């Protein structure tokens, strides 16, 4: 409908999502000093100090 060439579909998708990817990266590095996936389940037992 918009006349956008098919070769630009993937780059346009990536550009549109990059803001969300960057926000996710910043949130994870600021809040927990590590990047995790949303479905991440830690199997490590917590150490007592």
C-alpha atoms as a PDB file:
ATOM      1  CA  UNK A   1       0.000   0.000   0.000  1.00  0.00           C
ATOM      2  CA  UNK A   2       2.803   2.422   0.819  1.00  0.00           C
ATOM      3  CA  UNK A   3       5.038   1.321  -2.032  1.00  0.00           C
ATOM      4  CA  UNK A   4       7.926   0.367   0.249  1.00  0.00           C
ATOM      5  CA  UNK A   5      10.383  -2.010  -1.463  1.00  0.00           C
ATOM      6  CA  UNK A   6      10.562  -5.479   0.092  1.00  0.00           C
ATOM      7  CA  UNK A   7      14.326  -5.080   0.563  1.00  0.00           C
ATOM      8  CA  UNK A   8      13.609  -2.458   3.229  1.00  0.00           C
ATOM      9  CA  UNK A   9      11.192  -4.524   5.330  1.00  0.00           C
ATOM     10  CA  UNK A  10      13.857  -6.011   7.627  1.00  0.00           C
ATOM     11  CA  UNK A  11      15.896  -2.810   8.101  1.00  0.00           C
ATOM     12  CA  UNK A  12      12.729  -0.841   8.860  1.00  0.00           C
ATOM     13  CA  UNK A  13      11.666  -3.468  11.405  1.00  0.00           C
ATOM     14  CA  UNK A  14      15.076  -3.337  13.101  1.00  0.00           C
ATOM     15  CA  UNK A  15      15.114   0.469  13.229  1.00  0.00           C
ATOM     16  CA  UNK A  16      11.618   0.553  14.692  1.00  0.00           C
ATOM     17  CA  UNK A  17      12.530  -2.001  17.371  1.00  0.00           C
ATOM     18  CA  UNK A  18      15.947  -0.535  18.247  1.00  0.00           C
ATOM     19  CA  UNK A  19      14.435   1.997  20.678  1.00  0.00           C
ATOM     20  CA  UNK A  20      12.799  -0.822  22.629  1.00  0.00           C
ATOM     21  CA  UNK A  21      15.975  -2.911  22.548  1.00  0.00           C
ATOM     22  CA  UNK A  22      17.997   0.035  23.858  1.00  0.00           C
ATOM     23  CA  UNK A  23      15.436   0.763  26.587  1.00  0.00           C
ATOM     24  CA  UNK A  24      15.494  -2.875  27.679  1.00  0.00           C
ATOM     25  CA  UNK A  25      19.299  -2.863  27.755  1.00  0.00           C
ATOM     26  CA  UNK A  26      19.402   0.345  29.831  1.00  0.00           C
ATOM     27  CA  UNK A  27      16.764  -0.908  32.251  1.00  0.00           C
ATOM     28  CA  UNK A  28      18.568  -4.171  32.861  1.00  0.00           C
ATOM     29  CA  UNK A  29      22.031  -2.647  33.258  1.00  0.00           C
ATOM     30  CA  UNK A  30      20.784   0.092  35.598  1.00  0.00           C
ATOM     31  CA  UNK A  31      18.567  -2.072  37.782  1.00  0.00           C
ATOM     32  CA  UNK A  32      20.450  -5.338  38.082  1.00  0.00           C
ATOM     33  CA  UNK A  33      23.853  -5.037  36.410  1.00  0.00           C
ATOM     34  CA  UNK A  34      23.025  -7.908  34.092  1.00  0.00           C
ATOM     35  CA  UNK A  35      20.936  -8.513  31.017  1.00  0.00           C
ATOM     36  CA  UNK A  36      18.359 -11.274  31.257  1.00  0.00           C
ATOM     37  CA  UNK A  37      15.733 -12.630  28.948  1.00  0.00           C
ATOM     38  CA  UNK A  38      12.084 -12.143  29.943  1.00  0.00           C
ATOM     39  CA  UNK A  39      11.534 -15.885  30.449  1.00  0.00           C
ATOM     40  CA  UNK A  40      14.731 -16.259  32.483  1.00  0.00           C
ATOM     41  CA  UNK A  41      14.552 -18.505  35.532  1.00  0.00           C
ATOM     42  CA  UNK A  42      17.634 -18.579  37.720  1.00  0.00           C
ATOM     43  CA  UNK A  43      18.722 -22.016  38.881  1.00  0.00           C
ATOM     44  CA  UNK A  44      21.390 -20.621  41.229  1.00  0.00           C
ATOM     45  CA  UNK A  45      20.809 -20.821  44.951  1.00  0.00           C
ATOM     46  CA  UNK A  46      21.194 -17.572  46.836  1.00  0.00           C
ATOM     47  CA  UNK A  47      24.299 -17.202  48.996  1.00  0.00           C
ATOM     48  CA  UNK A  48      24.020 -15.849  52.529  1.00  0.00           C
ATOM     49  CA  UNK A  49      26.538 -13.176  53.457  1.00  0.00           C
END
